[in-house]
Amino acid sequence: MLKDFAISIIRTLRQHGFQAYLVGGCVRDLLLKREPADYDIATSATPAQVMEIFPETYAVGAQFGVVLVPLPEEQHTRGDENAPPKSQAVEVATFRSDLGYSDGRRPDEVRFSQYPREDVARRDFTINGMLLDPLTNEVLDFVGGRNDLETGIIRTIGDPGRRFAEDKLRMLRAVRFAARFEYEIEGETLTAIQHRAHEIQVVSRERVRDELTKMLIEGHARCAFLLLDESGLLQEVLPEISRMKGVEQPPEFHPEGDVFVHTLLLLDHLPNPCPPTLAWGALLHDVGKPATFRVAPDRIRFDNHVDVGVKIAEEICQRLRFSNDDTKQILALVDNHMRFGHVSRMKESTLKKFLRMPKFNEHLALHRADSLASHGHLSTYEFIQKKLAEIPPEKIRPLALVTGDDLIAAGYAPGPRFREILEAVEDAQLEGRLLSHEIALDFVRREFPL
């Protein structure tokens, strides 16, 4: 539907005498026989002319020549507020050339153009610099993008140093595209990234986080992080992951190699699609090991690496400005990943509380990937799957037999003891020893006399 809508916009613009083409990633994806996530249009019409032709638009970046045209059912009042997501709109951008990038992100000035060749010359990579006439299927390729697409090359348009100076985030995007498509980064392009890797520090942490998240969830995370390491970007954006390199592990538990090798192998076993919090939890699950490495008389050990890892992961989440909810889940994944080794010995109440953790499916997916990336045994994973199938949900999270109000009615004074009493009742209930409200109150009176 979005493709048809984009074509209708191009047809309308041409009826008004303007040039208009599909441009960028959607052209690349269509040539690769992939379904584009969104559709962008480049046109000779100015933003004012586009908004005159399509009154229900969003001037999300009119000063840079960018206007969003929403799908008809998504159309609202014109303005920047509450603009629809890209998946529900088509971005229409005026042909332009960019003049100066003093902030390393956006052009200081843009000059609108009538020439598509001039417009693509300012874009990032050749594979993203092609135009497509969807009415004739003619591809306009002024930058050699089609050849690089066929040979599997990520190459900047023009001088790589200049392209990366304009927008430092393009260095991370080069890595992401190379990993996603399993392409190589062209030699001069890679060299320019290595020389400028330190400049990524000027990019906002949110933009860095979002690029890294895409690398983690697109199904080629191990390749992406190997390229991040080779390019010098890993040390700049996630030095805590870089420190994993060369940190040995006990071969009886980790025959695959050091902490870095293990972590990247684990990323290969994540589900696809993968929730972002699971991907980040997987990346950071052993982040505390480098700081806790020691060689004990019996074997290599990482004492308290989980506690240390939670603190480091929290620092990373704060630095990259994750939301509070995402941070909470990522830290929970790091904090609980070693508990799976104890599930067969857990009391029934402890096991049920473990199984009902928020987003437990992510914890279980991390454990599965962790196992496959080390010893390869899935006995614990299968044990938990069996328990989840056997125990009805209402037995894992039953209604409370006794509440705080019940304790007050029974003569107990509110205070710290309440929590102790209620937890004891819940544990006995989860273990099947308390089956009714009356029996539970008798248990309270017996175990916690007034």
Protein backbone atom coordinates (compact mmCIF):
# COMPACT_ATOMS: atom_id res chain seq x y z
CA MET A 1 0.00 0.00 0.00
CA LEU A 2 2.83 2.43 0.86
CA LYS A 3 4.56 1.68 -2.45
CA ASP A 4 1.37 2.35 -4.41
CA PHE A 5 0.88 5.58 -2.49
CA ALA A 6 4.46 6.68 -3.24
CA ILE A 7 3.92 5.99 -6.94
CA SER A 8 0.70 8.01 -6.86
CA ILE A 9 2.63 10.94 -5.33
CA ILE A 10 5.24 10.72 -8.10
CA ARG A 11 2.52 10.62 -10.75
CA THR A 12 0.81 13.67 -9.23
CA LEU A 13 4.08 15.64 -9.00
CA ARG A 14 4.82 14.91 -12.64
CA GLN A 15 1.33 15.97 -13.67
CA HIS A 16 2.20 19.32 -12.12
CA GLY A 17 5.36 19.53 -14.22
CA PHE A 18 7.97 18.41 -11.66
CA GLN A 19 10.58 15.68 -11.77
CA ALA A 20 10.09 12.95 -9.15
CA TYR A 21 11.73 9.59 -8.43
CA LEU A 22 11.98 6.97 -5.74
CA VAL A 23 15.35 7.38 -4.05
CA GLY A 24 17.68 5.86 -1.46
CA GLY A 25 17.16 2.71 0.56
CA CYS A 26 13.85 1.76 -1.05
CA VAL A 27 15.51 1.65 -4.49
CA ARG A 28 18.35 -0.46 -3.08
CA ASP A 29 15.90 -2.87 -1.47
CA LEU A 30 13.70 -3.15 -4.55
CA LEU A 31 16.76 -4.01 -6.68
CA LEU A 32 17.69 -6.65 -4.06
CA LYS A 33 14.13 -8.06 -4.22
CA ARG A 34 13.58 -7.06 -0.58
CA GLU A 35 10.50 -5.36 0.83
CA PRO A 36 11.45 -1.75 1.71
CA ALA A 37 10.59 -0.57 5.21
CA ASP A 38 9.66 2.85 3.84
CA TYR A 39 9.62 4.86 0.63
CA ASP A 40 11.38 8.16 -0.08
CA ILE A 41 10.89 10.47 -3.04
CA ALA A 42 13.28 13.04 -4.49
CA THR A 43 11.72 15.83 -6.55
CA SER A 44 12.46 19.14 -8.22
CA ALA A 45 9.44 20.65 -6.41
CA THR A 46 10.22 22.86 -3.44
CA PRO A 47 8.68 22.10 -0.03
CA ALA A 48 6.18 24.93 -0.52
CA GLN A 49 5.13 23.50 -3.87
CA VAL A 50 4.81 19.99 -2.42
CA MET A 51 2.63 21.29 0.43
CA GLU A 52 0.48 23.21 -2.05
CA ILE A 53 -0.12 20.06 -4.08
CA PHE A 54 -0.65 17.87 -0.99
CA PRO A 55 -2.31 20.10 1.65
CA GLU A 56 -2.33 17.44 4.39
CA THR A 57 1.42 17.24 4.96
CA TYR A 58 3.96 17.51 7.78
CA ALA A 59 6.84 19.94 7.34
CA VAL A 60 9.23 17.81 9.39
CA GLY A 61 12.32 19.36 7.84
CA ALA A 62 11.17 21.94 5.34
CA GLN A 63 14.32 24.00 5.86
CA PHE A 64 16.22 21.00 4.50
CA GLY A 65 13.64 20.36 1.80
CA VAL A 66 11.85 17.47 3.56
CA VAL A 67 8.08 17.04 3.80
CA LEU A 68 6.11 13.99 5.01
CA VAL A 69 2.99 13.03 3.07
CA PRO A 70 0.93 10.62 5.20
CA LEU A 71 -1.23 7.80 3.92
CA PRO A 72 -4.80 9.09 3.44
CA GLU A 73 -6.18 7.38 6.55
CA GLU A 74 -3.32 8.89 8.58
CA GLN A 75 -3.80 12.46 7.38
CA HIS A 76 -4.31 15.13 10.03
CA THR A 77 -3.66 18.84 10.34
CA ARG A 78 -0.54 20.17 8.73
CA GLY A 79 2.34 20.79 11.15
CA ASP A 80 5.35 19.18 12.79
CA GLU A 81 3.45 17.88 15.83
CA ASN A 82 2.22 14.30 15.92
CA ALA A 83 3.63 13.44 12.52
CA PRO A 84 3.00 9.80 11.58
CA PRO A 85 5.84 7.26 11.64
CA LYS A 86 7.77 6.66 8.42
CA SER A 87 5.93 3.35 7.95
CA GLN A 88 2.70 5.34 7.48
CA ALA A 89 4.01 8.19 5.34
CA VAL A 90 6.20 8.97 2.35
CA GLU A 91 9.11 11.38 2.70
CA VAL A 92 9.31 13.84 -0.17
CA ALA A 93 12.61 15.73 -0.40
CA THR A 94 13.60 18.47 -2.81
CA PHE A 95 16.71 17.97 -4.95
CA ARG A 96 19.45 19.88 -3.15
CA SER A 97 23.12 20.39 -2.47
CA ASP A 98 24.42 20.80 1.07
CA LEU A 99 26.77 23.58 2.15
CA GLY A 100 28.85 22.99 5.29
CA TYR A 101 28.31 20.61 8.22
CA SER A 102 29.70 22.45 11.23
CA ASP A 103 27.86 20.22 13.74
CA GLY A 104 28.85 16.94 12.07
CA ARG A 105 25.23 16.03 11.49
CA ARG A 106 23.10 18.50 9.54
CA PRO A 107 24.02 20.89 6.72
CA ASP A 108 24.50 24.51 7.70
CA GLU A 109 22.74 25.55 4.52
CA VAL A 110 20.96 23.79 1.67
CA ARG A 111 20.57 24.98 -1.89
CA PHE A 112 17.60 23.57 -3.77
CA SER A 113 18.36 22.18 -7.19
CA GLN A 114 16.65 21.07 -10.38
CA TYR A 115 19.17 18.30 -11.04
CA PRO A 116 18.91 14.76 -9.61
CA ARG A 117 22.62 14.17 -10.24
CA GLU A 118 23.46 17.08 -7.91
CA ASP A 119 21.13 15.67 -5.24
CA VAL A 120 22.59 12.16 -5.11
CA ALA A 121 26.15 13.53 -4.95
CA ARG A 122 25.51 14.64 -1.35
CA ARG A 123 24.20 11.25 -0.14
CA ASP A 124 26.12 8.70 1.92
CA PHE A 125 26.79 5.42 0.07
CA THR A 126 26.59 4.42 -3.56
CA ILE A 127 24.06 1.67 -2.89
CA ASN A 128 21.79 4.32 -1.34
CA GLY A 129 22.36 6.86 -4.11
CA MET A 130 20.25 5.47 -6.94
CA LEU A 131 16.96 6.84 -8.26
CA LEU A 132 14.13 4.76 -9.72
CA ASP A 133 11.37 5.84 -12.06
CA PRO A 134 8.59 3.49 -10.91
CA LEU A 135 6.47 4.30 -13.96
CA THR A 136 9.10 2.97 -16.39
CA ASN A 137 11.35 0.96 -14.00
CA GLU A 138 14.34 2.97 -15.27
CA VAL A 139 17.19 3.27 -12.73
CA LEU A 140 19.18 6.50 -12.68
CA ASP A 141 22.61 5.63 -11.32
CA PHE A 142 25.10 8.49 -11.33
CA VAL A 143 27.38 7.03 -8.63
CA GLY A 144 28.02 3.37 -9.54
CA GLY A 145 25.61 2.05 -6.95
CA ARG A 146 24.26 -0.77 -9.07
CA ASN A 147 27.70 -2.24 -9.63
CA ASP A 148 28.53 -2.01 -5.90
CA LEU A 149 25.19 -3.66 -5.14
CA GLU A 150 26.04 -6.55 -7.46
CA THR A 151 29.60 -6.98 -6.16
CA GLY A 152 28.72 -6.52 -2.48
CA ILE A 153 30.59 -3.31 -1.66
CA ILE A 154 29.83 -0.49 0.78
CA ARG A 155 31.47 2.62 -0.68
CA THR A 156 30.87 6.29 0.02
CA ILE A 157 29.75 8.62 -2.73
CA GLY A 158 32.80 10.72 -3.46
CA ASP A 159 35.57 11.29 -0.93
CA PRO A 160 34.95 9.15 2.20
CA GLY A 161 36.68 11.59 4.50
CA ARG A 162 34.36 14.37 3.37
CA ARG A 163 31.24 12.19 3.65
CA PHE A 164 32.12 11.17 7.23
CA ALA A 165 33.07 14.70 8.20
CA GLU A 166 29.60 15.83 7.11
CA ASP A 167 27.81 13.28 9.30
CA LYS A 168 29.88 11.17 11.69
CA LEU A 169 27.03 8.70 12.16
CA ARG A 170 27.65 7.50 8.62
CA MET A 171 30.62 5.54 9.98
CA LEU A 172 28.27 3.39 12.05
CA ARG A 173 25.82 3.15 9.16
CA ALA A 174 28.59 1.80 6.94
CA VAL A 175 29.18 -0.99 9.43
CA ARG A 176 25.47 -1.71 9.76
CA PHE A 177 24.87 -1.93 6.03
CA ALA A 178 27.94 -4.11 5.52
CA ALA A 179 26.74 -6.50 8.22
CA ARG A 180 23.11 -6.51 7.13
CA PHE A 181 23.87 -7.35 3.51
CA GLU A 182 27.06 -9.33 4.25
CA TYR A 183 29.05 -6.91 2.08
CA GLU A 184 32.61 -5.65 2.37
CA ILE A 185 33.49 -2.08 3.23
CA GLU A 186 35.61 -0.72 0.37
CA GLY A 187 39.25 -0.13 1.34
CA GLU A 188 39.40 3.67 1.25
CA THR A 189 36.04 3.88 3.01
CA LEU A 190 37.22 1.57 5.81
CA THR A 191 40.51 3.44 6.15
CA ALA A 192 38.64 6.73 6.48
CA ILE A 193 36.50 5.24 9.26
CA GLN A 194 39.60 3.99 11.09
CA HIS A 195 41.19 7.44 10.88
CA ARG A 196 38.04 9.21 12.05
CA ALA A 197 36.60 6.67 14.54
CA HIS A 198 37.29 8.98 17.48
CA GLU A 199 35.05 11.61 15.92
CA ILE A 200 31.98 9.45 16.64
CA GLN A 201 32.09 10.99 20.12
CA VAL A 202 30.44 14.15 18.79
CA VAL A 203 27.32 12.23 17.74
CA SER A 204 24.42 12.25 20.17
CA ARG A 205 24.26 9.16 22.36
CA GLU A 206 20.68 8.50 21.25
CA ARG A 207 21.70 8.27 17.58
CA VAL A 208 24.60 5.96 18.46
CA ARG A 209 22.30 3.78 20.57
CA ASP A 210 19.76 3.49 17.78
CA GLU A 211 22.38 2.43 15.21
CA LEU A 212 23.84 -0.15 17.59
CA THR A 213 20.38 -1.47 18.34
CA LYS A 214 19.69 -1.97 14.65
CA MET A 215 22.97 -3.88 14.33
CA LEU A 216 21.95 -6.10 17.22
CA ILE A 217 18.46 -6.98 16.03
CA GLU A 218 18.85 -7.30 12.26
CA GLY A 219 20.22 -10.85 12.37
CA HIS A 220 23.91 -10.18 11.67
CA ALA A 221 25.09 -8.86 15.03
CA ARG A 222 28.30 -10.92 15.23
CA CYS A 223 29.45 -9.65 11.84
CA ALA A 224 28.54 -6.09 12.84
CA PHE A 225 30.57 -6.19 16.04
CA LEU A 226 33.57 -7.74 14.33
CA LEU A 227 33.44 -4.84 11.86
CA LEU A 228 33.01 -2.35 14.69
CA ASP A 229 36.18 -3.77 16.21
CA GLU A 230 38.12 -3.75 12.94
CA SER A 231 37.07 -0.17 12.18
CA GLY A 232 38.09 1.14 15.60
CA LEU A 233 34.53 2.22 16.41
CA LEU A 234 33.93 -0.41 19.09
CA GLN A 235 36.56 1.07 21.41
CA GLU A 236 34.92 4.46 20.97
CA VAL A 237 31.24 3.56 21.46
CA LEU A 238 31.42 0.49 23.73
CA PRO A 239 34.88 0.19 25.29
CA GLU A 240 33.40 -2.22 27.86
CA ILE A 241 32.79 -4.75 25.07
CA SER A 242 36.23 -4.16 23.58
CA ARG A 243 37.76 -5.08 26.97
CA MET A 244 36.33 -8.59 26.63
CA LYS A 245 38.92 -9.43 23.98
CA GLY A 246 41.59 -11.79 25.27
CA VAL A 247 39.84 -12.45 28.60
CA GLU A 248 40.23 -16.22 28.91
CA GLN A 249 37.51 -18.48 30.26
CA PRO A 250 37.64 -21.96 31.86
CA PRO A 251 37.73 -24.37 28.89
CA GLU A 252 35.56 -26.94 30.68
CA PHE A 253 32.66 -24.47 30.55
CA HIS A 254 33.65 -22.33 27.58
CA PRO A 255 35.53 -24.38 24.98
CA GLU A 256 34.64 -21.73 22.37
CA GLY A 257 37.20 -19.19 23.60
CA ASP A 258 37.46 -15.87 25.39
CA VAL A 259 34.64 -13.64 26.63
CA PHE A 260 34.54 -11.61 23.41
CA VAL A 261 34.34 -14.71 21.21
CA HIS A 262 31.63 -16.19 23.43
CA THR A 263 29.55 -13.02 23.41
CA LEU A 264 29.65 -12.67 19.64
CA LEU A 265 28.79 -16.35 19.16
CA LEU A 266 25.86 -15.87 21.52
CA LEU A 267 24.55 -13.04 19.34
CA ASP A 268 24.38 -15.52 16.45
CA HIS A 269 21.87 -17.60 18.40
CA LEU A 270 19.41 -14.82 19.20
CA PRO A 271 15.93 -15.11 17.67
CA ASN A 272 15.16 -13.12 14.55
CA PRO A 273 13.35 -10.79 14.93
CA CYS A 274 14.85 -10.04 18.32
CA PRO A 275 13.47 -7.67 20.98
CA PRO A 276 15.97 -4.83 21.52
CA THR A 277 16.14 -5.39 25.28
CA LEU A 278 17.00 -9.07 24.76
CA ALA A 279 19.72 -8.15 22.26
CA TRP A 280 21.29 -5.64 24.64
CA GLY A 281 20.97 -8.03 27.58
CA ALA A 282 22.76 -10.67 25.54
CA LEU A 283 25.54 -8.27 24.55
CA LEU A 284 26.07 -7.17 28.15
CA HIS A 285 25.39 -10.41 30.05
CA ASP A 286 29.12 -11.05 30.72
CA VAL A 287 30.28 -7.43 30.72
CA GLY A 288 31.46 -7.84 34.34
CA LYS A 289 33.93 -10.63 33.54
CA PRO A 290 36.97 -8.58 32.46
CA ALA A 291 36.97 -6.71 35.79
CA THR A 292 36.58 -9.90 37.88
CA PHE A 293 38.96 -12.27 36.06
CA ARG A 294 41.30 -14.26 38.29
CA VAL A 295 43.18 -17.55 38.03
CA ALA A 296 42.29 -19.65 41.09
CA PRO A 297 44.09 -22.88 42.06
CA ASP A 298 41.35 -24.97 40.49
CA ARG A 299 40.37 -22.89 37.44
CA ILE A 300 39.73 -19.42 36.01
CA ARG A 301 37.06 -17.65 38.02
CA PHE A 302 34.95 -14.50 37.75
CA ASP A 303 33.84 -13.82 41.32
CA ASN A 304 30.74 -11.62 41.54
CA HIS A 305 30.84 -10.92 37.83
CA VAL A 306 27.05 -10.65 37.74
CA ASP A 307 26.91 -7.88 40.37
CA VAL A 308 29.77 -6.03 38.71
CA GLY A 309 28.16 -6.57 35.32
CA VAL A 310 24.86 -5.07 36.44
CA LYS A 311 26.66 -1.90 37.57
CA ILE A 312 28.58 -1.61 34.29
CA ALA A 313 25.44 -2.31 32.25
CA GLU A 314 23.59 0.38 34.17
CA GLU A 315 26.36 2.88 33.35
CA ILE A 316 26.10 1.95 29.67
CA CYS A 317 22.31 2.27 29.65
CA GLN A 318 22.54 5.69 31.27
CA ARG A 319 25.27 6.81 28.88
CA LEU A 320 23.23 5.73 25.85
CA ARG A 321 20.06 7.18 27.36
CA PHE A 322 17.87 4.12 27.36
CA SER A 323 14.37 4.53 28.75
CA ASN A 324 13.81 3.51 32.36
CA ASP A 325 11.72 0.51 31.28
CA ASP A 326 14.33 -0.74 28.81
CA THR A 327 17.11 -0.22 31.34
CA LYS A 328 15.20 -2.20 33.95
CA GLN A 329 14.75 -5.15 31.61
CA ILE A 330 18.34 -5.13 30.32
CA LEU A 331 19.67 -5.10 33.89
CA ALA A 332 17.27 -7.90 34.86
CA LEU A 333 18.64 -10.03 32.01
CA VAL A 334 22.22 -9.45 33.16
CA ASP A 335 21.30 -9.99 36.81
CA ASN A 336 19.48 -13.30 36.35
CA HIS A 337 21.35 -15.11 33.58
CA MET A 338 23.37 -17.27 35.99
CA ARG A 339 20.31 -18.39 37.97
CA PHE A 340 19.43 -20.92 35.28
CA GLY A 341 22.20 -23.14 36.58
CA HIS A 342 20.21 -23.65 39.79
CA VAL A 343 16.69 -24.30 38.46
CA SER A 344 16.77 -28.07 38.97
CA ARG A 345 17.55 -27.52 42.67
CA MET A 346 15.11 -24.67 43.30
CA LYS A 347 12.22 -25.04 45.72
CA GLU A 348 8.85 -25.11 43.98
CA SER A 349 8.04 -21.61 45.24
CA THR A 350 11.39 -20.21 44.10
CA LEU A 351 11.04 -21.82 40.66
CA LYS A 352 7.54 -20.44 40.14
CA LYS A 353 8.68 -16.93 41.13
CA PHE A 354 11.57 -17.31 38.69
CA LEU A 355 9.25 -18.38 35.87
CA ARG A 356 6.94 -15.41 36.38
CA MET A 357 9.59 -12.72 36.04
CA PRO A 358 8.49 -9.97 33.62
CA LYS A 359 9.31 -10.93 30.02
CA PHE A 360 10.56 -14.35 31.11
CA ASN A 361 10.62 -15.41 27.45
CA GLU A 362 13.58 -13.05 26.99
CA HIS A 363 15.42 -14.58 29.95
CA LEU A 364 14.83 -18.04 28.53
CA ALA A 365 15.96 -17.00 25.04
CA LEU A 366 19.16 -15.54 26.52
CA HIS A 367 19.83 -18.76 28.43
CA ARG A 368 19.33 -20.84 25.29
CA ALA A 369 21.71 -18.67 23.27
CA ASP A 370 24.23 -18.63 26.14
CA SER A 371 24.21 -22.43 26.27
CA LEU A 372 24.55 -22.87 22.52
CA ALA A 373 27.47 -20.42 22.47
CA SER A 374 29.39 -22.37 25.15
CA HIS A 375 28.92 -26.03 26.12
CA GLY A 376 26.03 -26.60 23.71
CA HIS A 377 23.80 -28.46 26.18
CA LEU A 378 20.11 -27.52 26.38
CA SER A 379 19.03 -29.75 29.27
CA THR A 380 18.16 -26.81 31.51
CA TYR A 381 16.31 -25.06 28.70
CA GLU A 382 14.31 -28.22 28.04
CA PHE A 383 13.64 -28.68 31.78
CA ILE A 384 12.11 -25.19 31.96
CA GLN A 385 10.10 -25.69 28.79
CA LYS A 386 8.67 -28.85 30.36
CA LYS A 387 7.82 -27.01 33.59
CA LEU A 388 6.11 -24.19 31.70
CA ALA A 389 4.01 -26.75 29.84
CA GLU A 390 3.12 -28.65 33.01
CA ILE A 391 2.30 -25.81 35.40
CA PRO A 392 -0.89 -23.85 34.62
CA PRO A 393 -0.43 -20.05 34.62
CA GLU A 394 -2.80 -19.68 37.56
CA LYS A 395 -0.47 -21.91 39.61
CA ILE A 396 2.56 -19.77 38.75
CA ARG A 397 0.78 -16.52 39.61
CA PRO A 398 -2.12 -17.47 41.90
CA LEU A 399 -4.48 -15.05 43.61
CA ALA A 400 -3.24 -14.20 47.10
CA LEU A 401 -4.87 -16.24 49.86
CA VAL A 402 -4.09 -13.56 52.47
CA THR A 403 -3.77 -9.79 52.01
CA GLY A 404 -2.59 -6.95 54.20
CA ASP A 405 -6.21 -6.12 54.99
CA ASP A 406 -6.73 -9.69 56.20
CA LEU A 407 -3.73 -9.34 58.54
CA ILE A 408 -5.08 -6.08 59.98
CA ALA A 409 -8.50 -7.68 60.51
CA ALA A 410 -6.76 -10.55 62.33
CA GLY A 411 -5.15 -8.07 64.75
CA TYR A 412 -1.68 -7.64 63.19
CA ALA A 413 -0.21 -4.14 63.23
CA PRO A 414 1.06 -2.82 59.87
CA GLY A 415 4.84 -2.75 59.64
CA PRO A 416 7.92 -4.48 58.23
CA ARG A 417 6.65 -7.81 59.55
CA PHE A 418 3.78 -7.71 57.04
CA ARG A 419 6.10 -8.41 54.12
CA GLU A 420 7.70 -11.35 55.90
CA ILE A 421 4.29 -12.85 56.70
CA LEU A 422 2.86 -12.35 53.20
CA GLU A 423 5.98 -13.81 51.54
CA ALA A 424 5.82 -16.86 53.81
CA VAL A 425 2.16 -17.38 52.93
CA GLU A 426 2.87 -17.00 49.22
CA ASP A 427 5.77 -19.49 49.34
CA ALA A 428 3.61 -22.07 51.13
CA GLN A 429 0.83 -21.45 48.62
CA LEU A 430 3.16 -21.88 45.64
CA GLU A 431 4.44 -25.12 47.14
CA GLY A 432 0.88 -26.42 47.46
CA ARG A 433 0.74 -26.46 51.25
CA LEU A 434 -1.98 -23.82 51.56
CA LEU A 435 -5.14 -24.30 49.55
CA SER A 436 -7.67 -21.92 51.09
CA HIS A 437 -8.05 -18.57 52.84
CA GLU A 438 -8.93 -20.22 56.16
CA ILE A 439 -5.99 -22.64 56.07
CA ALA A 440 -3.68 -19.73 55.20
CA LEU A 441 -4.90 -17.67 58.17
CA ASP A 442 -4.36 -20.68 60.49
CA PHE A 443 -0.80 -20.89 59.07
CA VAL A 444 -0.23 -17.21 59.88
CA ARG A 445 -1.51 -17.52 63.44
CA ARG A 446 0.65 -20.63 63.99
CA GLU A 447 3.89 -19.39 62.41
CA PHE A 448 3.58 -15.69 63.37
CA PRO A 449 1.75 -15.51 66.71
CA LEU A 450 0.58 -12.10 67.90
